[in-house]
PDB file of all heavy atoms in Angstrom:
ATOM      1  N   LEU A   1       0.830  -1.198   0.000  1.00  0.00           N
ATOM      2  CA  LEU A   1       0.000   0.000   0.000  1.00  0.00           C
ATOM      3  C   LEU A   1       0.865   1.248   0.000  1.00  0.00           C
ATOM      4  O   LEU A   1       1.956   1.262   0.567  1.00  0.00           O
ATOM      5  CB  LEU A   1      -0.918   0.017   1.232  1.00  0.00           C
ATOM      6  CG  LEU A   1      -1.891  -1.157   1.402  1.00  0.00           C
ATOM      7  CD1 LEU A   1      -2.654  -1.021   2.698  1.00  0.00           C
ATOM      8  CD2 LEU A   1      -2.844  -1.258   0.223  1.00  0.00           C
ATOM      9  N   TYR A   2       0.358   2.287  -0.631  1.00  0.00           N
ATOM     10  CA  TYR A   2       1.013   3.582  -0.565  1.00  0.00           C
ATOM     11  C   TYR A   2       0.776   4.206   0.809  1.00  0.00           C
ATOM     12  O   TYR A   2      -0.129   3.807   1.546  1.00  0.00           O
ATOM     13  CB  TYR A   2       0.485   4.510  -1.660  1.00  0.00           C
ATOM     14  CG  TYR A   2       0.916   4.107  -3.052  1.00  0.00           C
ATOM     15  CD1 TYR A   2       0.060   3.373  -3.874  1.00  0.00           C
ATOM     16  CD2 TYR A   2       2.173   4.455  -3.538  1.00  0.00           C
ATOM     17  CE1 TYR A   2       0.448   2.994  -5.156  1.00  0.00           C
ATOM     18  CE2 TYR A   2       2.570   4.081  -4.819  1.00  0.00           C
ATOM     19  CZ  TYR A   2       1.703   3.356  -5.621  1.00  0.00           C
ATOM     20  OH  TYR A   2       2.103   2.985  -6.865  1.00  0.00           O
ATOM     21  N   ALA A   3       1.591   5.181   1.144  1.00  0.00           N
ATOM     22  CA  ALA A   3       1.494   5.807   2.464  1.00  0.00           C
ATOM     23  C   ALA A   3       0.108   6.403   2.687  1.00  0.00           C
ATOM     24  O   ALA A   3      -0.457   6.303   3.779  1.00  0.00           O
ATOM     25  CB  ALA A   3       2.568   6.882   2.610  1.00  0.00           C
ATOM     26  N   LYS A   4      -0.464   7.014   1.652  1.00  0.00           N
ATOM     27  CA  LYS A   4      -1.802   7.598   1.779  1.00  0.00           C
ATOM     28  C   LYS A   4      -2.833   6.517   2.063  1.00  0.00           C
ATOM     29  O   LYS A   4      -3.763   6.707   2.855  1.00  0.00           O
ATOM     30  CB  LYS A   4      -2.155   8.362   0.500  1.00  0.00           C
ATOM     31  CG  LYS A   4      -3.503   9.054   0.548  1.00  0.00           C
ATOM     32  CD  LYS A   4      -3.769   9.819  -0.739  1.00  0.00           C
ATOM     33  CE  LYS A   4      -5.128  10.503  -0.694  1.00  0.00           C
ATOM     34  NZ  LYS A   4      -5.414  11.239  -1.943  1.00  0.00           N
ATOM     35  N   GLU A   5      -2.685   5.359   1.402  1.00  0.00           N
ATOM     36  CA  GLU A   5      -3.623   4.266   1.618  1.00  0.00           C
ATOM     37  C   GLU A   5      -3.463   3.678   3.015  1.00  0.00           C
ATOM     38  O   GLU A   5      -4.446   3.284   3.650  1.00  0.00           O
ATOM     39  CB  GLU A   5      -3.402   3.191   0.553  1.00  0.00           C
ATOM     40  CG  GLU A   5      -3.722   3.666  -0.862  1.00  0.00           C
ATOM     41  CD  GLU A   5      -3.298   2.656  -1.907  1.00  0.00           C
ATOM     42  OE1 GLU A   5      -2.390   1.844  -1.595  1.00  0.00           O
ATOM     43  OE2 GLU A   5      -3.847   2.668  -3.010  1.00  0.00           O
ATOM     44  N   LYS A   6      -2.219   3.605   3.505  1.00  0.00           N
ATOM     45  CA  LYS A   6      -1.987   3.099   4.851  1.00  0.00           C
ATOM     46  C   LYS A   6      -2.656   4.006   5.886  1.00  0.00           C
ATOM     47  O   LYS A   6      -3.305   3.534   6.821  1.00  0.00           O
ATOM     48  CB  LYS A   6      -0.492   3.001   5.133  1.00  0.00           C
ATOM     49  CG  LYS A   6       0.233   1.955   4.299  1.00  0.00           C
ATOM     50  CD  LYS A   6       1.723   1.981   4.621  1.00  0.00           C
ATOM     51  CE  LYS A   6       2.496   1.021   3.729  1.00  0.00           C
ATOM     52  NZ  LYS A   6       3.948   1.049   3.993  1.00  0.00           N
ATOM     53  N   LYS A   7      -2.476   5.320   5.723  1.00  0.00           N
ATOM     54  CA  LYS A   7      -3.066   6.258   6.670  1.00  0.00           C
ATOM     55  C   LYS A   7      -4.586   6.199   6.631  1.00  0.00           C
ATOM     56  O   LYS A   7      -5.251   6.426   7.645  1.00  0.00           O
ATOM     57  CB  LYS A   7      -2.590   7.672   6.351  1.00  0.00           C
ATOM     58  CG  LYS A   7      -1.104   7.895   6.611  1.00  0.00           C
ATOM     59  CD  LYS A   7      -0.701   9.303   6.248  1.00  0.00           C
ATOM     60  CE  LYS A   7       0.788   9.527   6.489  1.00  0.00           C
ATOM     61  NZ  LYS A   7       1.219  10.902   6.113  1.00  0.00           N
ATOM     62  N   ALA A   8      -5.155   5.902   5.455  1.00  0.00           N
ATOM     63  CA  ALA A   8      -6.609   5.837   5.337  1.00  0.00           C
ATOM     64  C   ALA A   8      -7.161   4.545   5.933  1.00  0.00           C
ATOM     65  O   ALA A   8      -8.260   4.523   6.489  1.00  0.00           O
ATOM     66  CB  ALA A   8      -7.020   5.953   3.865  1.00  0.00           C
ATOM     67  N   PHE A   9      -6.397   3.458   5.826  1.00  0.00           N
ATOM     68  CA  PHE A   9      -6.904   2.155   6.245  1.00  0.00           C
ATOM     69  C   PHE A   9      -6.623   1.864   7.714  1.00  0.00           C
ATOM     70  O   PHE A   9      -7.412   1.203   8.374  1.00  0.00           O
ATOM     71  CB  PHE A   9      -6.272   1.061   5.379  1.00  0.00           C
ATOM     72  CG  PHE A   9      -6.791  -0.320   5.666  1.00  0.00           C
ATOM     73  CD1 PHE A   9      -8.045  -0.718   5.225  1.00  0.00           C
ATOM     74  CD2 PHE A   9      -6.032  -1.224   6.385  1.00  0.00           C
ATOM     75  CE1 PHE A   9      -8.524  -1.979   5.504  1.00  0.00           C
ATOM     76  CE2 PHE A   9      -6.506  -2.494   6.672  1.00  0.00           C
ATOM     77  CZ  PHE A   9      -7.757  -2.870   6.218  1.00  0.00           C
ATOM     78  N   LEU A  10      -5.503   2.368   8.234  1.00  0.00           N
ATOM     79  CA  LEU A  10      -5.081   2.025   9.592  1.00  0.00           C
ATOM     80  C   LEU A  10      -6.110   2.401  10.669  1.00  0.00           C
ATOM     81  O   LEU A  10      -6.349   1.611  11.591  1.00  0.00           O
ATOM     82  CB  LEU A  10      -3.723   2.674   9.890  1.00  0.00           C
ATOM     83  CG  LEU A  10      -3.031   2.246  11.188  1.00  0.00           C
ATOM     84  CD1 LEU A  10      -2.838   0.737  11.190  1.00  0.00           C
ATOM     85  CD2 LEU A  10      -1.693   2.954  11.339  1.00  0.00           C
ATOM     86  N   PRO A  11      -6.746   3.585  10.611  1.00  0.00           N
ATOM     87  CA  PRO A  11      -7.754   3.896  11.645  1.00  0.00           C
ATOM     88  C   PRO A  11      -8.903   2.905  11.686  1.00  0.00           C
ATOM     89  O   PRO A  11      -9.417   2.588  12.766  1.00  0.00           O
ATOM     90  CB  PRO A  11      -8.240   5.296  11.255  1.00  0.00           C
ATOM     91  CG  PRO A  11      -7.122   5.875  10.458  1.00  0.00           C
ATOM     92  CD  PRO A  11      -6.521   4.732   9.721  1.00  0.00           C
ATOM     93  N   PHE A  12      -9.310   2.386  10.527  1.00  0.00           N
ATOM     94  CA  PHE A  12     -10.399   1.416  10.506  1.00  0.00           C
ATOM     95  C   PHE A  12      -9.957   0.097  11.136  1.00  0.00           C
ATOM     96  O   PHE A  12     -10.738  -0.572  11.810  1.00  0.00           O
ATOM     97  CB  PHE A  12     -10.875   1.185   9.074  1.00  0.00           C
ATOM     98  CG  PHE A  12     -11.339   2.439   8.392  1.00  0.00           C
ATOM     99  CD1 PHE A  12     -10.680   2.936   7.282  1.00  0.00           C
ATOM    100  CD2 PHE A  12     -12.433   3.141   8.867  1.00  0.00           C
ATOM    101  CE1 PHE A  12     -11.107   4.093   6.661  1.00  0.00           C
ATOM    102  CE2 PHE A  12     -12.870   4.299   8.255  1.00  0.00           C
ATOM    103  CZ  PHE A  12     -12.198   4.775   7.141  1.00  0.00           C
ATOM    104  N   LEU A  13      -8.700  -0.285  10.907  1.00  0.00           N
ATOM    105  CA  LEU A  13      -8.178  -1.497  11.519  1.00  0.00           C
ATOM    106  C   LEU A  13      -8.152  -1.369  13.037  1.00  0.00           C
ATOM    107  O   LEU A  13      -8.481  -2.314  13.764  1.00  0.00           O
ATOM    108  CB  LEU A  13      -6.769  -1.787  10.982  1.00  0.00           C
ATOM    109  CG  LEU A  13      -6.080  -3.046  11.512  1.00  0.00           C
ATOM    110  CD1 LEU A  13      -6.812  -4.283  11.012  1.00  0.00           C
ATOM    111  CD2 LEU A  13      -4.619  -3.085  11.074  1.00  0.00           C
ATOM    112  N   VAL A  14      -7.781  -0.193  13.524  1.00  0.00           N
ATOM    113  CA  VAL A  14      -7.732   0.033  14.973  1.00  0.00           C
ATOM    114  C   VAL A  14      -9.142   0.070  15.565  1.00  0.00           C
ATOM    115  O   VAL A  14      -9.386  -0.429  16.674  1.00  0.00           O
ATOM    116  CB  VAL A  14      -6.978   1.339  15.277  1.00  0.00           C
ATOM    117  CG1 VAL A  14      -7.030   1.657  16.762  1.00  0.00           C
ATOM    118  CG2 VAL A  14      -5.526   1.235  14.809  1.00  0.00           C
ATOM    119  N   ALA A  15     -10.088   0.641  14.825  1.00  0.00           N
ATOM    120  CA  ALA A  15     -11.447   0.796  15.361  1.00  0.00           C
ATOM    121  C   ALA A  15     -12.225  -0.516  15.371  1.00  0.00           C
ATOM    122  O   ALA A  15     -13.176  -0.650  16.151  1.00  0.00           O
ATOM    123  CB  ALA A  15     -12.215   1.824  14.528  1.00  0.00           C
ATOM    124  N   THR A  16     -11.837  -1.480  14.547  1.00  0.00           N
ATOM    125  CA  THR A  16     -12.608  -2.716  14.416  1.00  0.00           C
ATOM    126  C   THR A  16     -12.781  -3.462  15.738  1.00  0.00           C
ATOM    127  O   THR A  16     -13.920  -3.781  16.120  1.00  0.00           O
ATOM    128  CB  THR A  16     -11.965  -3.629  13.363  1.00  0.00           C
ATOM    129  OG1 THR A  16     -12.022  -2.987  12.078  1.00  0.00           O
ATOM    130  CG2 THR A  16     -12.691  -4.960  13.285  1.00  0.00           C
ATOM    131  N   PRO A  17     -11.706  -3.776  16.495  1.00  0.00           N
ATOM    132  CA  PRO A  17     -11.935  -4.505  17.755  1.00  0.00           C
ATOM    133  C   PRO A  17     -12.733  -3.718  18.774  1.00  0.00           C
ATOM    134  O   PRO A  17     -13.512  -4.299  19.548  1.00  0.00           O
ATOM    135  CB  PRO A  17     -10.509  -4.797  18.260  1.00  0.00           C
ATOM    136  CG  PRO A  17      -9.637  -3.813  17.567  1.00  0.00           C
ATOM    137  CD  PRO A  17     -10.277  -3.564  16.247  1.00  0.00           C
ATOM    138  N   PHE A  18     -12.587  -2.386  18.790  1.00  0.00           N
ATOM    139  CA  PHE A  18     -13.335  -1.581  19.757  1.00  0.00           C
ATOM    140  C   PHE A  18     -14.828  -1.582  19.428  1.00  0.00           C
ATOM    141  O   PHE A  18     -15.668  -1.667  20.331  1.00  0.00           O
ATOM    142  CB  PHE A  18     -12.793  -0.158  19.780  1.00  0.00           C
ATOM    143  CG  PHE A  18     -11.421  -0.046  20.375  1.00  0.00           C
ATOM    144  CD1 PHE A  18     -10.306   0.078  19.561  1.00  0.00           C
ATOM    145  CD2 PHE A  18     -11.233  -0.085  21.749  1.00  0.00           C
ATOM    146  CE1 PHE A  18      -9.037   0.164  20.097  1.00  0.00           C
ATOM    147  CE2 PHE A  18      -9.963   0.011  22.299  1.00  0.00           C
ATOM    148  CZ  PHE A  18      -8.860   0.137  21.471  1.00  0.00           C
ATOM    149  N   LEU A  19     -15.160  -1.485  18.145  1.00  0.00           N
ATOM    150  CA  LEU A  19     -16.569  -1.526  17.760  1.00  0.00           C
ATOM    151  C   LEU A  19     -17.171  -2.904  18.027  1.00  0.00           C
ATOM    152  O   LEU A  19     -18.316  -3.014  18.487  1.00  0.00           O
ATOM    153  CB  LEU A  19     -16.713  -1.157  16.280  1.00  0.00           C
ATOM    154  CG  LEU A  19     -16.491   0.311  15.934  1.00  0.00           C
ATOM    155  CD1 LEU A  19     -16.493   0.517  14.423  1.00  0.00           C
ATOM    156  CD2 LEU A  19     -17.551   1.188  16.578  1.00  0.00           C
ATOM    157  N   PHE A  20     -16.407  -3.959  17.730  1.00  0.00           N
ATOM    158  CA  PHE A  20     -16.905  -5.313  18.007  1.00  0.00           C
ATOM    159  C   PHE A  20     -17.135  -5.491  19.503  1.00  0.00           C
ATOM    160  O   PHE A  20     -18.159  -6.056  19.921  1.00  0.00           O
ATOM    161  CB  PHE A  20     -15.912  -6.354  17.494  1.00  0.00           C
ATOM    162  CG  PHE A  20     -16.392  -7.776  17.673  1.00  0.00           C
ATOM    163  CD1 PHE A  20     -17.146  -8.385  16.688  1.00  0.00           C
ATOM    164  CD2 PHE A  20     -16.095  -8.493  18.821  1.00  0.00           C
ATOM    165  CE1 PHE A  20     -17.600  -9.699  16.852  1.00  0.00           C
ATOM    166  CE2 PHE A  20     -16.532  -9.787  19.000  1.00  0.00           C
ATOM    167  CZ  PHE A  20     -17.284 -10.393  18.009  1.00  0.00           C
ATOM    168  N   LEU A  21     -16.201  -4.999  20.324  1.00  0.00           N
ATOM    169  CA  LEU A  21     -16.345  -5.110  21.771  1.00  0.00           C
ATOM    170  C   LEU A  21     -17.546  -4.315  22.266  1.00  0.00           C
ATOM    171  O   LEU A  21     -18.265  -4.757  23.180  1.00  0.00           O
ATOM    172  CB  LEU A  21     -15.071  -4.619  22.458  1.00  0.00           C
ATOM    173  CG  LEU A  21     -15.044  -4.694  23.993  1.00  0.00           C
ATOM    174  CD1 LEU A  21     -15.200  -6.132  24.456  1.00  0.00           C
ATOM    175  CD2 LEU A  21     -13.751  -4.100  24.528  1.00  0.00           C
ATOM    176  N   ALA A  22     -17.789  -3.159  21.666  1.00  0.00           N
ATOM    177  CA  ALA A  22     -18.950  -2.356  22.061  1.00  0.00           C
ATOM    178  C   ALA A  22     -20.246  -3.099  21.755  1.00  0.00           C
ATOM    179  O   ALA A  22     -21.176  -3.121  22.581  1.00  0.00           O
ATOM    180  CB  ALA A  22     -18.919  -1.007  21.342  1.00  0.00           C
ATOM    181  N   GLY A  23     -20.327  -3.702  20.577  1.00  0.00           N
ATOM    182  CA  GLY A  23     -21.527  -4.460  20.236  1.00  0.00           C
ATOM    183  C   GLY A  23     -21.709  -5.677  21.112  1.00  0.00           C
ATOM    184  O   GLY A  23     -22.834  -5.970  21.568  1.00  0.00           O
ATOM    185  N   ALA A  24     -20.611  -6.404  21.392  1.00  0.00           N
ATOM    186  CA  ALA A  24     -20.699  -7.582  22.252  1.00  0.00           C
ATOM    187  C   ALA A  24     -21.097  -7.190  23.675  1.00  0.00           C
ATOM    188  O   ALA A  24     -21.876  -7.899  24.332  1.00  0.00           O
ATOM    189  CB  ALA A  24     -19.366  -8.324  22.251  1.00  0.00           C
ATOM    190  N   SER A  25     -20.580  -6.065  24.162  1.00  0.00           N
ATOM    191  CA  SER A  25     -20.923  -5.604  25.510  1.00  0.00           C
ATOM    192  C   SER A  25     -22.392  -5.224  25.595  1.00  0.00           C
ATOM    193  O   SER A  25     -23.071  -5.515  26.599  1.00  0.00           O
ATOM    194  CB  SER A  25     -20.048  -4.409  25.896  1.00  0.00           C
ATOM    195  OG  SER A  25     -18.675  -4.763  25.898  1.00  0.00           O
ATOM    196  N   LEU A  26     -22.898  -4.560  24.562  1.00  0.00           N
ATOM    197  CA  LEU A  26     -24.323  -4.225  24.543  1.00  0.00           C
ATOM    198  C   LEU A  26     -25.171  -5.485  24.585  1.00  0.00           C
ATOM    199  O   LEU A  26     -26.185  -5.542  25.301  1.00  0.00           O
ATOM    200  CB  LEU A  26     -24.643  -3.400  23.292  1.00  0.00           C
ATOM    201  CG  LEU A  26     -26.119  -3.040  23.087  1.00  0.00           C
ATOM    202  CD1 LEU A  26     -26.603  -2.118  24.194  1.00  0.00           C
ATOM    203  CD2 LEU A  26     -26.316  -2.374  21.718  1.00  0.00           C
ATOM    204  N   ALA A  27     -24.757  -6.501  23.834  1.00  0.00           N
ATOM    205  CA  ALA A  27     -25.508  -7.754  23.823  1.00  0.00           C
ATOM    206  C   ALA A  27     -25.488  -8.426  25.194  1.00  0.00           C
ATOM    207  O   ALA A  27     -26.520  -8.916  25.665  1.00  0.00           O
ATOM    208  CB  ALA A  27     -24.929  -8.694  22.765  1.00  0.00           C
ATOM    209  N   TYR A  28     -24.316  -8.439  25.840  1.00  0.00           N
ATOM    210  CA  TYR A  28     -24.174  -9.168  27.101  1.00  0.00           C
ATOM    211  C   TYR A  28     -24.846  -8.447  28.266  1.00  0.00           C
ATOM    212  O   TYR A  28     -25.546  -9.080  29.071  1.00  0.00           O
ATOM    213  CB  TYR A  28     -22.694  -9.384  27.405  1.00  0.00           C
ATOM    214  CG  TYR A  28     -22.421 -10.119  28.691  1.00  0.00           C
ATOM    215  CD1 TYR A  28     -22.437 -11.512  28.718  1.00  0.00           C
ATOM    216  CD2 TYR A  28     -22.164  -9.440  29.873  1.00  0.00           C
ATOM    217  CE1 TYR A  28     -22.211 -12.206  29.905  1.00  0.00           C
ATOM    218  CE2 TYR A  28     -21.928 -10.124  31.063  1.00  0.00           C
ATOM    219  CZ  TYR A  28     -21.951 -11.506  31.073  1.00  0.00           C
ATOM    220  OH  TYR A  28     -21.724 -12.182  32.234  1.00  0.00           O
ATOM    221  N   TYR A  29     -24.630  -7.156  28.368  1.00  0.00           N
ATOM    222  CA  TYR A  29     -25.077  -6.426  29.559  1.00  0.00           C
ATOM    223  C   TYR A  29     -26.506  -5.880  29.436  1.00  0.00           C
ATOM    224  O   TYR A  29     -27.139  -5.600  30.461  1.00  0.00           O
ATOM    225  CB  TYR A  29     -24.131  -5.274  29.863  1.00  0.00           C
ATOM    226  CG  TYR A  29     -22.779  -5.739  30.357  1.00  0.00           C
ATOM    227  CD1 TYR A  29     -21.666  -5.690  29.517  1.00  0.00           C
ATOM    228  CD2 TYR A  29     -22.617  -6.228  31.644  1.00  0.00           C
ATOM    229  CE1 TYR A  29     -20.423  -6.120  29.957  1.00  0.00           C
ATOM    230  CE2 TYR A  29     -21.379  -6.661  32.101  1.00  0.00           C
ATOM    231  CZ  TYR A  29     -20.279  -6.605  31.248  1.00  0.00           C
ATOM    232  OH  TYR A  29     -19.045  -7.047  31.681  1.00  0.00           O
ATOM    233  N   VAL A  30     -27.011  -5.708  28.223  1.00  0.00           N
ATOM    234  CA  VAL A  30     -28.323  -5.081  28.062  1.00  0.00           C
ATOM    235  C   VAL A  30     -29.317  -6.009  27.369  1.00  0.00           C
ATOM    236  O   VAL A  30     -30.408  -6.265  27.884  1.00  0.00           O
ATOM    237  CB  VAL A  30     -28.200  -3.752  27.269  1.00  0.00           C
ATOM    238  CG1 VAL A  30     -29.581  -3.134  27.072  1.00  0.00           C
ATOM    239  CG2 VAL A  30     -27.273  -2.777  27.979  1.00  0.00           C
ATOM    240  N   VAL A  31     -28.914  -6.513  26.203  1.00  0.00           N
ATOM    241  CA  VAL A  31     -29.878  -7.233  25.363  1.00  0.00           C
ATOM    242  C   VAL A  31     -30.199  -8.608  25.935  1.00  0.00           C
ATOM    243  O   VAL A  31     -31.383  -8.977  26.064  1.00  0.00           O
ATOM    244  CB  VAL A  31     -29.339  -7.359  23.924  1.00  0.00           C
ATOM    245  CG1 VAL A  31     -30.343  -8.121  23.061  1.00  0.00           C
ATOM    246  CG2 VAL A  31     -29.079  -5.984  23.340  1.00  0.00           C
ATOM    247  N   MET A  32     -29.189  -9.389  26.280  1.00  0.00           N
ATOM    248  CA  MET A  32     -29.452 -10.748  26.750  1.00  0.00           C
ATOM    249  C   MET A  32     -30.274 -10.787  28.041  1.00  0.00           C
ATOM    250  O   MET A  32     -31.236 -11.572  28.125  1.00  0.00           O
ATOM    251  CB  MET A  32     -28.135 -11.517  26.911  1.00  0.00           C
ATOM    252  CG  MET A  32     -27.537 -11.949  25.579  1.00  0.00           C
ATOM    253  SD  MET A  32     -26.233 -13.203  25.729  1.00  0.00           S
ATOM    254  CE  MET A  32     -24.930 -12.240  26.500  1.00  0.00           C
ATOM    255  N   PRO A  33     -29.950  -9.987  29.062  1.00  0.00           N
ATOM    256  CA  PRO A  33     -30.828 -10.021  30.251  1.00  0.00           C
ATOM    257  C   PRO A  33     -32.274  -9.666  29.933  1.00  0.00           C
ATOM    258  O   PRO A  33     -33.209 -10.288  30.447  1.00  0.00           O
ATOM    259  CB  PRO A  33     -30.183  -8.983  31.180  1.00  0.00           C
ATOM    260  CG  PRO A  33     -28.753  -8.935  30.765  1.00  0.00           C
ATOM    261  CD  PRO A  33     -28.774  -9.140  29.289  1.00  0.00           C
ATOM    262  N   THR A  34     -32.460  -8.652  29.055  1.00  0.00           N
ATOM    263  CA  THR A  34     -33.817  -8.264  28.676  1.00  0.00           C
ATOM    264  C   THR A  34     -34.526  -9.375  27.921  1.00  0.00           C
ATOM    265  O   THR A  34     -35.696  -9.692  28.195  1.00  0.00           O
ATOM    266  CB  THR A  34     -33.777  -6.990  27.822  1.00  0.00           C
ATOM    267  OG1 THR A  34     -33.088  -5.956  28.532  1.00  0.00           O
ATOM    268  CG2 THR A  34     -35.176  -6.519  27.481  1.00  0.00           C
ATOM    269  N   ALA A  35     -33.823  -9.990  26.974  1.00  0.00           N
ATOM    270  CA  ALA A  35     -34.431 -11.050  26.170  1.00  0.00           C
ATOM    271  C   ALA A  35     -34.746 -12.281  27.018  1.00  0.00           C
ATOM    272  O   ALA A  35     -35.812 -12.887  26.869  1.00  0.00           O
ATOM    273  CB  ALA A  35     -33.494 -11.422  25.020  1.00  0.00           C
ATOM    274  N   PHE A  36     -33.837 -12.649  27.915  1.00  0.00           N
ATOM    275  CA  PHE A  36     -34.055 -13.845  28.716  1.00  0.00           C
ATOM    276  C   PHE A  36     -35.232 -13.659  29.680  1.00  0.00           C
ATOM    277  O   PHE A  36     -36.003 -14.598  29.916  1.00  0.00           O
ATOM    278  CB  PHE A  36     -32.786 -14.204  29.488  1.00  0.00           C
ATOM    279  CG  PHE A  36     -31.645 -14.611  28.589  1.00  0.00           C
ATOM    280  CD1 PHE A  36     -30.334 -14.568  29.041  1.00  0.00           C
ATOM    281  CD2 PHE A  36     -31.880 -15.034  27.292  1.00  0.00           C
ATOM    282  CE1 PHE A  36     -29.282 -14.942  28.215  1.00  0.00           C
ATOM    283  CE2 PHE A  36     -30.837 -15.403  26.451  1.00  0.00           C
ATOM    284  CZ  PHE A  36     -29.530 -15.348  26.920  1.00  0.00           C
ATOM    285  N   GLU A  37     -35.361 -12.473  30.245  1.00  0.00           N
ATOM    286  CA  GLU A  37     -36.516 -12.217  31.109  1.00  0.00           C
ATOM    287  C   GLU A  37     -37.818 -12.317  30.309  1.00  0.00           C
ATOM    288  O   GLU A  37     -38.832 -12.823  30.807  1.00  0.00           O
ATOM    289  CB  GLU A  37     -36.391 -10.833  31.747  1.00  0.00           C
ATOM    290  CG  GLU A  37     -35.311 -10.742  32.816  1.00  0.00           C
ATOM    291  CD  GLU A  37     -35.256  -9.365  33.444  1.00  0.00           C
ATOM    292  OE1 GLU A  37     -36.111  -8.518  33.085  1.00  0.00           O
ATOM    293  OE2 GLU A  37     -34.373  -9.126  34.293  1.00  0.00           O
ATOM    294  N   TRP A  38     -37.779 -11.855  29.070  1.00  0.00           N
ATOM    295  CA  TRP A  38     -38.974 -11.938  28.225  1.00  0.00           C
ATOM    296  C   TRP A  38     -39.299 -13.389  27.899  1.00  0.00           C
ATOM    297  O   TRP A  38     -40.463 -13.798  27.929  1.00  0.00           O
ATOM    298  CB  TRP A  38     -38.742 -11.140  26.947  1.00  0.00           C
ATOM    299  CG  TRP A  38     -39.959 -11.010  26.087  1.00  0.00           C
ATOM    300  CD1 TRP A  38     -41.016 -10.176  26.279  1.00  0.00           C
ATOM    301  CD2 TRP A  38     -40.244 -11.746  24.887  1.00  0.00           C
ATOM    302  NE1 TRP A  38     -41.941 -10.331  25.269  1.00  0.00           N
ATOM    303  CE2 TRP A  38     -41.493 -11.283  24.408  1.00  0.00           C
ATOM    304  CE3 TRP A  38     -39.562 -12.724  24.177  1.00  0.00           C
ATOM    305  CZ2 TRP A  38     -42.065 -11.792  23.251  1.00  0.00           C
ATOM    306  CZ3 TRP A  38     -40.140 -13.237  23.024  1.00  0.00           C
ATOM    307  CH2 TRP A  38     -41.368 -12.774  22.565  1.00  0.00           C
ATOM    308  N   PHE A  39     -38.262 -14.184  27.584  1.00  0.00           N
ATOM    309  CA  PHE A  39     -38.478 -15.598  27.279  1.00  0.00           C
ATOM    310  C   PHE A  39     -39.033 -16.351  28.497  1.00  0.00           C
ATOM    311  O   PHE A  39     -39.953 -17.172  28.368  1.00  0.00           O
ATOM    312  CB  PHE A  39     -37.163 -16.252  26.836  1.00  0.00           C
ATOM    313  CG  PHE A  39     -36.679 -15.788  25.482  1.00  0.00           C
ATOM    314  CD1 PHE A  39     -35.326 -15.676  25.229  1.00  0.00           C
ATOM    315  CD2 PHE A  39     -37.573 -15.475  24.482  1.00  0.00           C
ATOM    316  CE1 PHE A  39     -34.862 -15.242  23.992  1.00  0.00           C
ATOM    317  CE2 PHE A  39     -37.135 -15.042  23.236  1.00  0.00           C
ATOM    318  CZ  PHE A  39     -35.777 -14.926  22.992  1.00  0.00           C
ATOM    319  N   LEU A  40     -38.468 -16.090  29.667  1.00  0.00           N
ATOM    320  CA  LEU A  40     -38.910 -16.788  30.879  1.00  0.00           C
ATOM    321  C   LEU A  40     -40.306 -16.360  31.305  1.00  0.00           C
ATOM    322  O   LEU A  40     -40.930 -17.037  32.126  1.00  0.00           O
ATOM    323  CB  LEU A  40     -37.922 -16.534  32.020  1.00  0.00           C
ATOM    324  CG  LEU A  40     -36.536 -17.149  31.843  1.00  0.00           C
ATOM    325  CD1 LEU A  40     -35.617 -16.769  32.993  1.00  0.00           C
ATOM    326  CD2 LEU A  40     -36.622 -18.667  31.710  1.00  0.00           C
ATOM    327  N   GLY A  41     -40.789 -15.251  30.756  1.00  0.00           N
ATOM    328  CA  GLY A  41     -42.146 -14.817  31.071  1.00  0.00           C
ATOM    329  C   GLY A  41     -43.209 -15.760  30.541  1.00  0.00           C
ATOM    330  O   GLY A  41     -44.378 -15.661  30.936  1.00  0.00           O
ATOM    331  N   PHE A  42     -42.819 -16.690  29.660  1.00  0.00           N
ATOM    332  CA  PHE A  42     -43.782 -17.647  29.119  1.00  0.00           C
ATOM    333  C   PHE A  42     -43.949 -18.863  30.024  1.00  0.00           C
ATOM    334  O   PHE A  42     -44.741 -19.762  29.711  1.00  0.00           O
ATOM    335  CB  PHE A  42     -43.346 -18.111  27.725  1.00  0.00           C
ATOM    336  CG  PHE A  42     -43.475 -17.040  26.681  1.00  0.00           C
ATOM    337  CD1 PHE A  42     -42.380 -16.267  26.324  1.00  0.00           C
ATOM    338  CD2 PHE A  42     -44.691 -16.794  26.063  1.00  0.00           C
ATOM    339  CE1 PHE A  42     -42.490 -15.282  25.363  1.00  0.00           C
ATOM    340  CE2 PHE A  42     -44.816 -15.805  25.098  1.00  0.00           C
ATOM    341  CZ  PHE A  42     -43.711 -15.032  24.752  1.00  0.00           C
ATOM    342  N   GLU A  43     -43.177 -18.915  31.125  1.00  0.00           N
ATOM    343  CA  GLU A  43     -43.385 -20.006  32.071  1.00  0.00           C
ATOM    344  C   GLU A  43     -44.757 -19.862  32.734  1.00  0.00           C
ATOM    345  O   GLU A  43     -45.272 -18.763  32.919  1.00  0.00           O
ATOM    346  CB  GLU A  43     -42.285 -19.995  33.144  1.00  0.00           C
ATOM    347  CG  GLU A  43     -40.944 -20.493  32.669  1.00  0.00           C
ATOM    348  CD  GLU A  43     -39.956 -20.624  33.818  1.00  0.00           C
ATOM    349  OE1 GLU A  43     -39.951 -19.729  34.692  1.00  0.00           O
ATOM    350  OE2 GLU A  43     -39.207 -21.607  33.851  1.00  0.00           O
ATOM    351  N   GLY A  44     -45.319 -20.965  33.101  1.00  0.00           N
ATOM    352  CA  GLY A  44     -46.630 -20.942  33.752  1.00  0.00           C
ATOM    353  C   GLY A  44     -47.256 -22.314  33.693  1.00  0.00           C
ATOM    354  O   GLY A  44     -46.587 -23.330  33.922  1.00  0.00           O
ATOM    355  N   SER A  45     -48.519 -22.349  33.366  1.00  0.00           N
ATOM    356  CA  SER A  45     -49.219 -23.630  33.269  1.00  0.00           C
ATOM    357  C   SER A  45     -50.251 -23.535  32.154  1.00  0.00           C
ATOM    358  O   SER A  45     -50.764 -22.456  31.838  1.00  0.00           O
ATOM    359  CB  SER A  45     -49.897 -23.985  34.600  1.00  0.00           C
ATOM    360  OG  SER A  45     -50.843 -22.979  34.941  1.00  0.00           O
TER     361      SER A  45
END
């Protein structure tokens, strides 16, 4: 890659794990507890 291409691509490479971690954290701490409580709401008789 040319220097200009490296400078353009490198920030995206650095941001990728942080964005993935942000999405995974949202799923673990917010979405899954909410979804599981909704699923368990179907318990009964």
